[in-house]
PDB file of all heavy atoms in Angstrom:
ATOM      1  N   ILE A   1       0.895  -1.151  -0.054  1.00  0.00           N
ATOM      2  CA  ILE A   1       0.047  -0.076   0.046  1.00  0.00           C
ATOM      3  C   ILE A   1       0.905   1.258  -0.006  1.00  0.00           C
ATOM      4  O   ILE A   1       1.850   1.325   0.638  1.00  0.00           O
ATOM      5  CB  ILE A   1      -1.032  -0.047   1.208  1.00  0.00           C
ATOM      6  CG1 ILE A   1      -1.976   1.207   1.120  1.00  0.00           C
ATOM      7  CG2 ILE A   1      -0.163   0.000   2.653  1.00  0.00           C
ATOM      8  CD1 ILE A   1      -3.042   1.066   2.115  1.00  0.00           C
ATOM      9  N   SER A   2       0.436   2.241  -0.732  1.00  0.00           N
ATOM     10  CA  SER A   2       1.349   3.457  -0.883  1.00  0.00           C
ATOM     11  C   SER A   2       0.348   4.659  -1.267  1.00  0.00           C
ATOM     12  O   SER A   2      -0.803   4.495  -1.587  1.00  0.00           O
ATOM     13  CB  SER A   2       2.427   3.208  -1.945  1.00  0.00           C
ATOM     14  OG  SER A   2       1.927   3.094  -3.229  1.00  0.00           O
ATOM     15  N   THR A   3       0.917   5.836  -1.081  1.00  0.00           N
ATOM     16  CA  THR A   3       0.160   6.971  -1.408  1.00  0.00           C
ATOM     17  C   THR A   3       0.940   7.930  -2.334  1.00  0.00           C
ATOM     18  O   THR A   3       2.136   7.919  -2.405  1.00  0.00           O
ATOM     19  CB  THR A   3      -0.324   7.791  -0.077  1.00  0.00           C
ATOM     20  OG1 THR A   3       1.008   8.160   0.521  1.00  0.00           O
ATOM     21  CG2 THR A   3      -0.970   7.007   0.945  1.00  0.00           C
ATOM     22  N   ASP A   4       0.171   8.789  -3.074  1.00  0.00           N
ATOM     23  CA  ASP A   4       0.741   9.737  -3.858  1.00  0.00           C
ATOM     24  C   ASP A   4      -0.064  10.957  -3.568  1.00  0.00           C
ATOM     25  O   ASP A   4      -1.177  11.257  -3.970  1.00  0.00           O
ATOM     26  CB  ASP A   4       0.593   9.466  -5.331  1.00  0.00           C
ATOM     27  CG  ASP A   4       1.259  10.465  -6.141  1.00  0.00           C
ATOM     28  OD1 ASP A   4       1.474  11.623  -5.811  1.00  0.00           O
ATOM     29  OD2 ASP A   4       1.747  10.154  -7.417  1.00  0.00           O
ATOM     30  N   ASN A   5       0.534  11.828  -2.582  1.00  0.00           N
ATOM     31  CA  ASN A   5      -0.231  12.941  -2.119  1.00  0.00           C
ATOM     32  C   ASN A   5      -0.511  13.853  -3.201  1.00  0.00           C
ATOM     33  O   ASN A   5      -1.507  14.674  -3.191  1.00  0.00           O
ATOM     34  CB  ASN A   5       0.533  13.698  -0.936  1.00  0.00           C
ATOM     35  CG  ASN A   5       0.598  12.781   0.313  1.00  0.00           C
ATOM     36  OD1 ASN A   5      -0.065  11.843   0.370  1.00  0.00           O
ATOM     37  ND2 ASN A   5       1.318  13.266   1.201  1.00  0.00           N
ATOM     38  N   ALA A   6       0.368  14.075  -4.142  1.00  0.00           N
ATOM     39  CA  ALA A   6       0.143  15.055  -5.222  1.00  0.00           C
ATOM     40  C   ALA A   6      -1.130  14.691  -6.141  1.00  0.00           C
ATOM     41  O   ALA A   6      -1.689  15.605  -6.645  1.00  0.00           O
ATOM     42  CB  ALA A   6       1.346  15.153  -6.129  1.00  0.00           C
ATOM     43  N   LYS A   7      -1.374  13.425  -6.183  1.00  0.00           N
ATOM     44  CA  LYS A   7      -2.551  12.976  -6.975  1.00  0.00           C
ATOM     45  C   LYS A   7      -3.741  12.440  -5.953  1.00  0.00           C
ATOM     46  O   LYS A   7      -4.734  12.118  -6.637  1.00  0.00           O
ATOM     47  CB  LYS A   7      -2.131  11.676  -7.810  1.00  0.00           C
ATOM     48  CG  LYS A   7      -1.068  11.989  -8.849  1.00  0.00           C
ATOM     49  CD  LYS A   7      -0.779  10.714  -9.646  1.00  0.00           C
ATOM     50  CE  LYS A   7       0.196  11.098 -10.739  1.00  0.00           C
ATOM     51  NZ  LYS A   7       0.525   9.833 -11.642  1.00  0.00           N
ATOM     52  N   ASN A   8      -3.589  12.748  -4.735  1.00  0.00           N
ATOM     53  CA  ASN A   8      -4.697  12.372  -3.823  1.00  0.00           C
ATOM     54  C   ASN A   8      -5.159  10.903  -3.987  1.00  0.00           C
ATOM     55  O   ASN A   8      -6.330  10.606  -3.985  1.00  0.00           O
ATOM     56  CB  ASN A   8      -5.819  13.308  -3.918  1.00  0.00           C
ATOM     57  CG  ASN A   8      -5.565  14.818  -3.532  1.00  0.00           C
ATOM     58  OD1 ASN A   8      -4.622  15.018  -2.721  1.00  0.00           O
ATOM     59  ND2 ASN A   8      -6.251  15.668  -4.109  1.00  0.00           N
ATOM     60  N   THR A   9      -4.159  10.049  -4.143  1.00  0.00           N
ATOM     61  CA  THR A   9      -4.442   8.623  -4.569  1.00  0.00           C
ATOM     62  C   THR A   9      -3.662   7.710  -3.664  1.00  0.00           C
ATOM     63  O   THR A   9      -2.542   7.944  -3.376  1.00  0.00           O
ATOM     64  CB  THR A   9      -4.016   8.460  -5.987  1.00  0.00           C
ATOM     65  OG1 THR A   9      -4.807   9.344  -6.880  1.00  0.00           O
ATOM     66  CG2 THR A   9      -4.388   6.957  -6.469  1.00  0.00           C
ATOM     67  N   VAL A  10      -4.359   6.620  -3.315  1.00  0.00           N
ATOM     68  CA  VAL A  10      -3.751   5.495  -2.562  1.00  0.00           C
ATOM     69  C   VAL A  10      -3.823   4.350  -3.531  1.00  0.00           C
ATOM     70  O   VAL A  10      -4.711   4.028  -4.259  1.00  0.00           O
ATOM     71  CB  VAL A  10      -4.544   5.159  -1.285  1.00  0.00           C
ATOM     72  CG1 VAL A  10      -3.891   3.942  -0.654  1.00  0.00           C
ATOM     73  CG2 VAL A  10      -4.627   6.423  -0.385  1.00  0.00           C
ATOM     74  N   TYR A  11      -2.720   3.649  -3.464  1.00  0.00           N
ATOM     75  CA  TYR A  11      -2.476   2.498  -4.336  1.00  0.00           C
ATOM     76  C   TYR A  11      -2.403   1.176  -3.578  1.00  0.00           C
ATOM     77  O   TYR A  11      -2.042   1.143  -2.419  1.00  0.00           O
ATOM     78  CB  TYR A  11      -1.221   2.615  -5.267  1.00  0.00           C
ATOM     79  CG  TYR A  11      -1.210   3.848  -6.029  1.00  0.00           C
ATOM     80  CD1 TYR A  11      -0.533   4.894  -5.595  1.00  0.00           C
ATOM     81  CD2 TYR A  11      -1.884   3.910  -7.272  1.00  0.00           C
ATOM     82  CE1 TYR A  11      -0.458   6.096  -6.404  1.00  0.00           C
ATOM     83  CE2 TYR A  11      -1.871   5.020  -8.049  1.00  0.00           C
ATOM     84  CZ  TYR A  11      -1.176   6.144  -7.665  1.00  0.00           C
ATOM     85  OH  TYR A  11      -1.110   7.218  -8.424  1.00  0.00           O
ATOM     86  N   LEU A  12      -2.755   0.093  -4.178  1.00  0.00           N
ATOM     87  CA  LEU A  12      -2.497  -1.261  -3.771  1.00  0.00           C
ATOM     88  C   LEU A  12      -1.866  -2.008  -4.905  1.00  0.00           C
ATOM     89  O   LEU A  12      -2.504  -2.450  -5.842  1.00  0.00           O
ATOM     90  CB  LEU A  12      -3.787  -2.007  -3.245  1.00  0.00           C
ATOM     91  CG  LEU A  12      -3.435  -3.283  -2.601  1.00  0.00           C
ATOM     92  CD1 LEU A  12      -2.741  -3.012  -1.162  1.00  0.00           C
ATOM     93  CD2 LEU A  12      -4.763  -4.068  -2.217  1.00  0.00           C
ATOM     94  N   GLN A  13      -0.500  -2.219  -4.756  1.00  0.00           N
ATOM     95  CA  GLN A  13       0.134  -3.007  -5.744  1.00  0.00           C
ATOM     96  C   GLN A  13       0.065  -4.463  -5.271  1.00  0.00           C
ATOM     97  O   GLN A  13       0.495  -4.837  -4.084  1.00  0.00           O
ATOM     98  CB  GLN A  13       1.606  -2.604  -5.727  1.00  0.00           C
ATOM     99  CG  GLN A  13       2.447  -3.456  -6.750  1.00  0.00           C
ATOM    100  CD  GLN A  13       2.183  -3.256  -8.120  1.00  0.00           C
ATOM    101  OE1 GLN A  13       1.834  -2.152  -8.495  1.00  0.00           O
ATOM    102  NE2 GLN A  13       2.072  -4.387  -8.791  1.00  0.00           N
ATOM    103  N   MET A  14      -0.353  -5.289  -6.088  1.00  0.00           N
ATOM    104  CA  MET A  14      -0.695  -6.747  -5.806  1.00  0.00           C
ATOM    105  C   MET A  14       0.155  -7.573  -6.648  1.00  0.00           C
ATOM    106  O   MET A  14      -0.074  -7.619  -7.934  1.00  0.00           O
ATOM    107  CB  MET A  14      -2.089  -7.049  -6.012  1.00  0.00           C
ATOM    108  CG  MET A  14      -3.043  -6.106  -5.114  1.00  0.00           C
ATOM    109  SD  MET A  14      -4.753  -6.648  -5.111  1.00  0.00           S
ATOM    110  CE  MET A  14      -5.089  -6.362  -6.889  1.00  0.00           C
ATOM    111  N   ASN A  15       1.149  -8.280  -6.189  1.00  0.00           N
ATOM    112  CA  ASN A  15       2.003  -9.162  -6.943  1.00  0.00           C
ATOM    113  C   ASN A  15       1.776 -10.699  -6.547  1.00  0.00           C
ATOM    114  O   ASN A  15       1.169 -10.953  -5.518  1.00  0.00           O
ATOM    115  CB  ASN A  15       3.406  -8.901  -6.678  1.00  0.00           C
ATOM    116  CG  ASN A  15       3.832  -7.478  -7.222  1.00  0.00           C
ATOM    117  OD1 ASN A  15       3.248  -6.910  -8.116  1.00  0.00           O
ATOM    118  ND2 ASN A  15       4.751  -6.756  -6.331  1.00  0.00           N
ATOM    119  N   SER A  16       2.208 -11.563  -7.367  1.00  0.00           N
ATOM    120  CA  SER A  16       2.032 -13.008  -7.115  1.00  0.00           C
ATOM    121  C   SER A  16       0.660 -13.321  -6.710  1.00  0.00           C
ATOM    122  O   SER A  16       0.418 -14.043  -5.681  1.00  0.00           O
ATOM    123  CB  SER A  16       3.098 -13.353  -5.962  1.00  0.00           C
ATOM    124  OG  SER A  16       4.362 -13.057  -6.318  1.00  0.00           O
ATOM    125  N   LEU A  17      -0.395 -12.903  -7.492  1.00  0.00           N
ATOM    126  CA  LEU A  17      -1.692 -13.019  -7.069  1.00  0.00           C
ATOM    127  C   LEU A  17      -2.073 -14.463  -7.182  1.00  0.00           C
ATOM    128  O   LEU A  17      -1.596 -15.343  -7.985  1.00  0.00           O
ATOM    129  CB  LEU A  17      -2.721 -12.300  -8.119  1.00  0.00           C
ATOM    130  CG  LEU A  17      -2.572 -10.799  -7.791  1.00  0.00           C
ATOM    131  CD1 LEU A  17      -3.240  -9.988  -8.987  1.00  0.00           C
ATOM    132  CD2 LEU A  17      -3.616 -10.526  -6.575  1.00  0.00           C
ATOM    133  N   LYS A  18      -3.018 -14.834  -6.171  1.00  0.00           N
ATOM    134  CA  LYS A  18      -3.451 -16.226  -5.949  1.00  0.00           C
ATOM    135  C   LYS A  18      -4.989 -16.282  -6.287  1.00  0.00           C
ATOM    136  O   LYS A  18      -5.636 -15.247  -6.180  1.00  0.00           O
ATOM    137  CB  LYS A  18      -3.120 -16.717  -4.582  1.00  0.00           C
ATOM    138  CG  LYS A  18      -1.659 -16.599  -4.156  1.00  0.00           C
ATOM    139  CD  LYS A  18      -1.536 -17.145  -2.811  1.00  0.00           C
ATOM    140  CE  LYS A  18       0.087 -17.006  -2.334  1.00  0.00           C
ATOM    141  NZ  LYS A  18       0.275 -17.400  -1.001  1.00  0.00           N
ATOM    142  N   LEU A  19      -5.421 -17.434  -6.551  1.00  0.00           N
ATOM    143  CA  LEU A  19      -6.912 -17.545  -6.662  1.00  0.00           C
ATOM    144  C   LEU A  19      -7.640 -17.078  -5.589  1.00  0.00           C
ATOM    145  O   LEU A  19      -8.634 -16.482  -5.724  1.00  0.00           O
ATOM    146  CB  LEU A  19      -7.234 -19.097  -6.938  1.00  0.00           C
ATOM    147  CG  LEU A  19      -6.660 -19.856  -8.139  1.00  0.00           C
ATOM    148  CD1 LEU A  19      -7.082 -21.251  -8.158  1.00  0.00           C
ATOM    149  CD2 LEU A  19      -7.014 -19.060  -9.390  1.00  0.00           C
ATOM    150  N   GLU A  20      -7.160 -17.216  -4.305  1.00  0.00           N
ATOM    151  CA  GLU A  20      -7.900 -16.719  -3.161  1.00  0.00           C
ATOM    152  C   GLU A  20      -7.881 -15.249  -2.937  1.00  0.00           C
ATOM    153  O   GLU A  20      -8.571 -14.657  -2.098  1.00  0.00           O
ATOM    154  CB  GLU A  20      -7.379 -17.416  -1.859  1.00  0.00           C
ATOM    155  CG  GLU A  20      -5.965 -17.289  -1.672  1.00  0.00           C
ATOM    156  CD  GLU A  20      -5.111 -18.484  -2.208  1.00  0.00           C
ATOM    157  OE1 GLU A  20      -5.466 -19.079  -3.287  1.00  0.00           O
ATOM    158  OE2 GLU A  20      -4.119 -18.969  -1.503  1.00  0.00           O
ATOM    159  N   ASP A  21      -7.188 -14.560  -3.848  1.00  0.00           N
ATOM    160  CA  ASP A  21      -7.190 -13.031  -3.832  1.00  0.00           C
ATOM    161  C   ASP A  21      -8.426 -12.473  -4.587  1.00  0.00           C
ATOM    162  O   ASP A  21      -8.647 -11.405  -4.511  1.00  0.00           O
ATOM    163  CB  ASP A  21      -5.947 -12.488  -4.389  1.00  0.00           C
ATOM    164  CG  ASP A  21      -4.702 -12.719  -3.451  1.00  0.00           C
ATOM    165  OD1 ASP A  21      -4.758 -12.714  -2.228  1.00  0.00           O
ATOM    166  OD2 ASP A  21      -3.650 -13.117  -4.120  1.00  0.00           O
ATOM    167  N   THR A  22      -9.100 -13.370  -5.222  1.00  0.00           N
ATOM    168  CA  THR A  22     -10.318 -12.992  -5.996  1.00  0.00           C
ATOM    169  C   THR A  22     -11.380 -12.419  -4.961  1.00  0.00           C
ATOM    170  O   THR A  22     -11.721 -13.076  -4.028  1.00  0.00           O
ATOM    171  CB  THR A  22     -10.936 -14.226  -6.622  1.00  0.00           C
ATOM    172  OG1 THR A  22     -10.073 -14.584  -7.743  1.00  0.00           O
ATOM    173  CG2 THR A  22     -12.258 -13.693  -7.397  1.00  0.00           C
ATOM    174  N   ALA A  23     -11.766 -11.224  -5.261  1.00  0.00           N
ATOM    175  CA  ALA A  23     -12.711 -10.497  -4.397  1.00  0.00           C
ATOM    176  C   ALA A  23     -13.010  -9.088  -5.001  1.00  0.00           C
ATOM    177  O   ALA A  23     -12.398  -8.687  -5.988  1.00  0.00           O
ATOM    178  CB  ALA A  23     -12.130 -10.358  -3.042  1.00  0.00           C
ATOM    179  N   LEU A  24     -13.909  -8.427  -4.375  1.00  0.00           N
ATOM    180  CA  LEU A  24     -14.331  -7.152  -4.540  1.00  0.00           C
ATOM    181  C   LEU A  24     -13.500  -6.229  -3.676  1.00  0.00           C
ATOM    182  O   LEU A  24     -13.619  -6.475  -2.483  1.00  0.00           O
ATOM    183  CB  LEU A  24     -15.841  -6.840  -4.488  1.00  0.00           C
ATOM    184  CG  LEU A  24     -16.367  -5.464  -4.905  1.00  0.00           C
ATOM    185  CD1 LEU A  24     -15.980  -5.148  -6.383  1.00  0.00           C
ATOM    186  CD2 LEU A  24     -17.854  -5.457  -4.650  1.00  0.00           C
ATOM    187  N   TYR A  25     -12.595  -5.459  -4.103  1.00  0.00           N
ATOM    188  CA  TYR A  25     -11.703  -4.681  -3.338  1.00  0.00           C
ATOM    189  C   TYR A  25     -12.267  -3.218  -3.146  1.00  0.00           C
ATOM    190  O   TYR A  25     -12.663  -2.522  -4.089  1.00  0.00           O
ATOM    191  CB  TYR A  25     -10.399  -4.583  -3.882  1.00  0.00           C
ATOM    192  CG  TYR A  25      -9.523  -5.829  -3.789  1.00  0.00           C
ATOM    193  CD1 TYR A  25      -9.883  -7.001  -4.527  1.00  0.00           C
ATOM    194  CD2 TYR A  25      -8.502  -5.919  -2.880  1.00  0.00           C
ATOM    195  CE1 TYR A  25      -9.202  -8.225  -4.242  1.00  0.00           C
ATOM    196  CE2 TYR A  25      -7.778  -7.075  -2.665  1.00  0.00           C
ATOM    197  CZ  TYR A  25      -8.217  -8.340  -3.414  1.00  0.00           C
ATOM    198  OH  TYR A  25      -7.610  -9.402  -3.165  1.00  0.00           O
ATOM    199  N   TYR A  26     -12.294  -2.709  -1.872  1.00  0.00           N
ATOM    200  CA  TYR A  26     -12.805  -1.522  -1.438  1.00  0.00           C
ATOM    201  C   TYR A  26     -11.741  -0.650  -0.806  1.00  0.00           C
ATOM    202  O   TYR A  26     -10.841  -1.150  -0.025  1.00  0.00           O
ATOM    203  CB  TYR A  26     -13.900  -1.613  -0.464  1.00  0.00           C
ATOM    204  CG  TYR A  26     -15.204  -2.356  -0.947  1.00  0.00           C
ATOM    205  CD1 TYR A  26     -15.394  -3.702  -0.814  1.00  0.00           C
ATOM    206  CD2 TYR A  26     -16.287  -1.584  -1.516  1.00  0.00           C
ATOM    207  CE1 TYR A  26     -16.541  -4.330  -1.350  1.00  0.00           C
ATOM    208  CE2 TYR A  26     -17.435  -2.145  -1.912  1.00  0.00           C
ATOM    209  CZ  TYR A  26     -17.467  -3.544  -1.860  1.00  0.00           C
ATOM    210  OH  TYR A  26     -18.672  -4.202  -2.361  1.00  0.00           O
ATOM    211  N   CYS A  27     -11.891   0.740  -1.011  1.00  0.00           N
ATOM    212  CA  CYS A  27     -11.104   1.693  -0.228  1.00  0.00           C
ATOM    213  C   CYS A  27     -11.881   2.275   0.799  1.00  0.00           C
ATOM    214  O   CYS A  27     -13.108   2.585   0.675  1.00  0.00           O
ATOM    215  CB  CYS A  27     -10.533   2.606  -1.354  1.00  0.00           C
ATOM    216  SG  CYS A  27      -9.646   3.949  -0.785  1.00  0.00           S
TER     217      CYS A  27
END
């Protein structure tokens, strides 16, 4: 998880994704 204050944006970088990561993701 990271932020970019200049863009008012929060990110979630997801690597090595697994089947069990399947979901609806909310902020």
